[in-house]
Amino acid sequence: MAMSYNDKIIKECIKQNIKKYRVTNELTQSQVCEAIGTSRTTYTKWECGDSMPNIVQLAKLGMIYGVKTDAFLDGMDQFSVAYGYNELYGEKYLSDLSDDERYIVMKYRMLNKSDKKKLKDFIESNISNRE
């Protein structure tokens, strides 16, 4: 199954944050692996973004670093809301959106796949008509 854009964002945040907390706490990968009971190969894959720790492993990492599990998702708002938007229109982040834009994004995410396609087609046809 292909990874969604949101999944990629989550994976990138976790990857960056587990390394940031390890380096900040001046620990080696081996020390962290020993403390949480995982192999160094597995941990290296987390820091490289090749795989992700599960919730239990994240909780163990949080206990080592003295942070809540959701701290590994810090920085998600730095990522663009719409895939490809940056290349076309410059950077636009969630924190830059108006209340109306946030509402629309929230409602869009609640749609099923078929309705998302219909909405996308509707938007594309209306933008094409204006050009």
C-alpha atoms as a PDB file:
ATOM      1  CA  MET A   1       0.000   0.000   0.000  1.00  0.00           C
ATOM      2  CA  ALA A   2       1.365   3.404  -0.972  1.00  0.00           C
ATOM      3  CA  MET A   3       2.153   5.804   1.827  1.00  0.00           C
ATOM      4  CA  SER A   4      -0.059   8.890   1.955  1.00  0.00           C
ATOM      5  CA  TYR A   5       1.351  12.394   2.155  1.00  0.00           C
ATOM      6  CA  ASN A   6       0.210  12.675   5.783  1.00  0.00           C
ATOM      7  CA  ASP A   7       1.957   9.394   6.608  1.00  0.00           C
ATOM      8  CA  LYS A   8       5.161  10.778   5.085  1.00  0.00           C
ATOM      9  CA  ILE A   9       4.885  13.921   7.234  1.00  0.00           C
ATOM     10  CA  ILE A  10       4.402  11.879  10.400  1.00  0.00           C
ATOM     11  CA  LYS A  11       7.334   9.623   9.523  1.00  0.00           C
ATOM     12  CA  GLU A  12       9.566  12.634   8.802  1.00  0.00           C
ATOM     13  CA  CYS A  13       8.666  14.296  12.120  1.00  0.00           C
ATOM     14  CA  ILE A  14       9.335  11.151  14.118  1.00  0.00           C
ATOM     15  CA  LYS A  15      12.618  10.585  12.274  1.00  0.00           C
ATOM     16  CA  GLN A  16      13.842  14.118  12.960  1.00  0.00           C
ATOM     17  CA  ASN A  17      12.686  14.226  16.572  1.00  0.00           C
ATOM     18  CA  ILE A  18      14.034  10.886  17.761  1.00  0.00           C
ATOM     19  CA  LYS A  19      17.449  11.875  16.463  1.00  0.00           C
ATOM     20  CA  LYS A  20      17.171  15.403  17.912  1.00  0.00           C
ATOM     21  CA  TYR A  21      16.336  14.072  21.388  1.00  0.00           C
ATOM     22  CA  ARG A  22      19.093  11.447  21.238  1.00  0.00           C
ATOM     23  CA  VAL A  23      21.719  14.015  20.225  1.00  0.00           C
ATOM     24  CA  THR A  24      20.439  16.593  22.743  1.00  0.00           C
ATOM     25  CA  ASN A  25      20.739  13.995  25.498  1.00  0.00           C
ATOM     26  CA  GLU A  26      24.234  13.076  24.275  1.00  0.00           C
ATOM     27  CA  LEU A  27      23.405   9.409  23.840  1.00  0.00           C
ATOM     28  CA  THR A  28      24.676   7.006  21.220  1.00  0.00           C
ATOM     29  CA  GLN A  29      22.313   4.847  19.206  1.00  0.00           C
ATOM     30  CA  SER A  30      23.708   1.818  21.034  1.00  0.00           C
ATOM     31  CA  GLN A  31      22.902   3.325  24.429  1.00  0.00           C
ATOM     32  CA  VAL A  32      19.317   4.100  23.386  1.00  0.00           C
ATOM     33  CA  CYS A  33      18.873   0.615  21.905  1.00  0.00           C
ATOM     34  CA  GLU A  34      20.073  -1.021  25.089  1.00  0.00           C
ATOM     35  CA  ALA A  35      17.735   1.122  27.190  1.00  0.00           C
ATOM     36  CA  ILE A  36      14.613   0.346  25.141  1.00  0.00           C
ATOM     37  CA  GLY A  37      15.487  -3.235  24.198  1.00  0.00           C
ATOM     38  CA  THR A  38      15.760  -3.005  20.434  1.00  0.00           C
ATOM     39  CA  SER A  39      18.486  -3.700  17.928  1.00  0.00           C
ATOM     40  CA  ARG A  40      20.744  -0.969  16.602  1.00  0.00           C
ATOM     41  CA  THR A  41      19.704  -1.883  13.047  1.00  0.00           C
ATOM     42  CA  THR A  42      16.069  -1.248  13.917  1.00  0.00           C
ATOM     43  CA  TYR A  43      16.854   2.061  15.607  1.00  0.00           C
ATOM     44  CA  THR A  44      19.035   3.200  12.704  1.00  0.00           C
ATOM     45  CA  LYS A  45      16.107   2.554  10.359  1.00  0.00           C
ATOM     46  CA  TRP A  46      13.967   4.870  12.506  1.00  0.00           C
ATOM     47  CA  GLU A  47      16.494   7.699  12.311  1.00  0.00           C
ATOM     48  CA  CYS A  48      16.897   7.169   8.557  1.00  0.00           C
ATOM     49  CA  GLY A  49      13.151   7.095   7.995  1.00  0.00           C
ATOM     50  CA  ASP A  50      13.159   3.554   6.614  1.00  0.00           C
ATOM     51  CA  SER A  51      10.701   2.441   9.310  1.00  0.00           C
ATOM     52  CA  MET A  52       8.929   3.854  12.368  1.00  0.00           C
ATOM     53  CA  PRO A  53       8.842   2.849  16.005  1.00  0.00           C
ATOM     54  CA  ASN A  54       5.523   1.592  17.331  1.00  0.00           C
ATOM     55  CA  ILE A  55       3.673   3.379  20.136  1.00  0.00           C
ATOM     56  CA  VAL A  56       5.288   1.267  22.871  1.00  0.00           C
ATOM     57  CA  GLN A  57       8.750   2.020  21.524  1.00  0.00           C
ATOM     58  CA  LEU A  58       7.892   5.738  21.280  1.00  0.00           C
ATOM     59  CA  ALA A  59       6.691   5.674  24.888  1.00  0.00           C
ATOM     60  CA  LYS A  60       9.986   4.078  25.967  1.00  0.00           C
ATOM     61  CA  LEU A  61      11.929   6.734  24.033  1.00  0.00           C
ATOM     62  CA  GLY A  62       9.831   9.426  25.706  1.00  0.00           C
ATOM     63  CA  MET A  63      10.655   8.005  29.141  1.00  0.00           C
ATOM     64  CA  ILE A  64      14.378   8.041  28.335  1.00  0.00           C
ATOM     65  CA  TYR A  65      14.279  11.628  27.075  1.00  0.00           C
ATOM     66  CA  GLY A  66      11.753  12.907  29.622  1.00  0.00           C
ATOM     67  CA  VAL A  67       9.181  13.972  27.015  1.00  0.00           C
ATOM     68  CA  LYS A  68       5.613  12.998  26.222  1.00  0.00           C
ATOM     69  CA  THR A  69       5.074  10.689  23.279  1.00  0.00           C
ATOM     70  CA  ASP A  70       3.472  13.469  21.219  1.00  0.00           C
ATOM     71  CA  ALA A  71       6.755  15.400  21.404  1.00  0.00           C
ATOM     72  CA  PHE A  72       7.972  13.144  18.596  1.00  0.00           C
ATOM     73  CA  LEU A  73       5.376  14.823  16.353  1.00  0.00           C
ATOM     74  CA  ASP A  74       6.559  18.363  17.145  1.00  0.00           C
ATOM     75  CA  GLY A  75       7.127  20.421  14.040  1.00  0.00           C
ATOM     76  CA  MET A  76       4.358  18.959  11.899  1.00  0.00           C
ATOM     77  CA  ASP A  77       3.059  22.466  11.196  1.00  0.00           C
ATOM     78  CA  GLN A  78       6.300  23.269   9.367  1.00  0.00           C
ATOM     79  CA  PHE A  79       5.222  21.008   6.526  1.00  0.00           C
ATOM     80  CA  SER A  80       3.099  22.225   3.658  1.00  0.00           C
ATOM     81  CA  VAL A  81      -0.610  21.428   3.828  1.00  0.00           C
ATOM     82  CA  ALA A  82      -0.994  20.636   0.147  1.00  0.00           C
ATOM     83  CA  TYR A  83       1.434  18.368  -1.673  1.00  0.00           C
ATOM     84  CA  GLY A  84       3.059  20.256  -4.520  1.00  0.00           C
ATOM     85  CA  TYR A  85       1.720  23.620  -3.361  1.00  0.00           C
ATOM     86  CA  ASN A  86       5.205  24.880  -2.519  1.00  0.00           C
ATOM     87  CA  GLU A  87       6.483  24.333  -6.034  1.00  0.00           C
ATOM     88  CA  LEU A  88       3.585  26.204  -7.625  1.00  0.00           C
ATOM     89  CA  TYR A  89       2.802  29.006  -5.229  1.00  0.00           C
ATOM     90  CA  GLY A  90       5.649  29.297  -2.757  1.00  0.00           C
ATOM     91  CA  GLU A  91       5.598  27.984   0.770  1.00  0.00           C
ATOM     92  CA  LYS A  92       2.226  27.884   2.521  1.00  0.00           C
ATOM     93  CA  TYR A  93       2.078  26.266   5.926  1.00  0.00           C
ATOM     94  CA  LEU A  94      -0.827  25.276   8.110  1.00  0.00           C
ATOM     95  CA  SER A  95      -0.018  28.102  10.497  1.00  0.00           C
ATOM     96  CA  ASP A  96      -0.318  30.557   7.564  1.00  0.00           C
ATOM     97  CA  LEU A  97      -3.868  29.523   6.673  1.00  0.00           C
ATOM     98  CA  SER A  98      -6.897  31.632   7.514  1.00  0.00           C
ATOM     99  CA  ASP A  99      -9.656  30.157   9.670  1.00  0.00           C
ATOM    100  CA  ASP A 100     -11.746  29.534   6.536  1.00  0.00           C
ATOM    101  CA  GLU A 101      -8.863  27.719   4.816  1.00  0.00           C
ATOM    102  CA  ARG A 102      -8.253  25.543   7.892  1.00  0.00           C
ATOM    103  CA  TYR A 103     -11.951  24.704   8.025  1.00  0.00           C
ATOM    104  CA  ILE A 104     -11.923  23.666   4.373  1.00  0.00           C
ATOM    105  CA  VAL A 105      -8.815  21.497   4.851  1.00  0.00           C
ATOM    106  CA  MET A 106     -10.388  19.864   7.930  1.00  0.00           C
ATOM    107  CA  LYS A 107     -13.638  19.114   6.083  1.00  0.00           C
ATOM    108  CA  TYR A 108     -11.749  17.840   3.018  1.00  0.00           C
ATOM    109  CA  ARG A 109      -9.883  15.337   5.175  1.00  0.00           C
ATOM    110  CA  MET A 110     -13.231  13.982   6.391  1.00  0.00           C
ATOM    111  CA  LEU A 111     -14.408  13.152   2.850  1.00  0.00           C
ATOM    112  CA  ASN A 112     -14.221   9.659   1.414  1.00  0.00           C
ATOM    113  CA  LYS A 113     -11.923   8.968  -1.534  1.00  0.00           C
ATOM    114  CA  SER A 114     -14.675   9.305  -4.129  1.00  0.00           C
ATOM    115  CA  ASP A 115     -15.892  12.657  -2.812  1.00  0.00           C
ATOM    116  CA  LYS A 116     -12.313  13.952  -2.632  1.00  0.00           C
ATOM    117  CA  LYS A 117     -11.888  13.122  -6.310  1.00  0.00           C
ATOM    118  CA  LYS A 118     -15.169  14.871  -7.204  1.00  0.00           C
ATOM    119  CA  LEU A 119     -14.115  17.978  -5.299  1.00  0.00           C
ATOM    120  CA  LYS A 120     -10.670  17.955  -6.880  1.00  0.00           C
ATOM    121  CA  ASP A 121     -12.207  17.608 -10.356  1.00  0.00           C
ATOM    122  CA  PHE A 122     -14.625  20.456  -9.590  1.00  0.00           C
ATOM    123  CA  ILE A 123     -11.811  22.728  -8.444  1.00  0.00           C
ATOM    124  CA  GLU A 124      -9.606  21.849 -11.402  1.00  0.00           C
ATOM    125  CA  SER A 125     -12.370  22.533 -13.904  1.00  0.00           C
ATOM    126  CA  ASN A 126     -13.143  25.901 -12.314  1.00  0.00           C
ATOM    127  CA  ILE A 127      -9.515  26.969 -12.231  1.00  0.00           C
ATOM    128  CA  SER A 128      -9.033  25.889 -15.842  1.00  0.00           C
ATOM    129  CA  ASN A 129     -12.054  27.943 -16.894  1.00  0.00           C
ATOM    130  CA  ARG A 130     -10.521  31.114 -15.397  1.00  0.00           C
ATOM    131  CA  GLU A 131      -7.154  30.825 -17.123  1.00  0.00           C
END
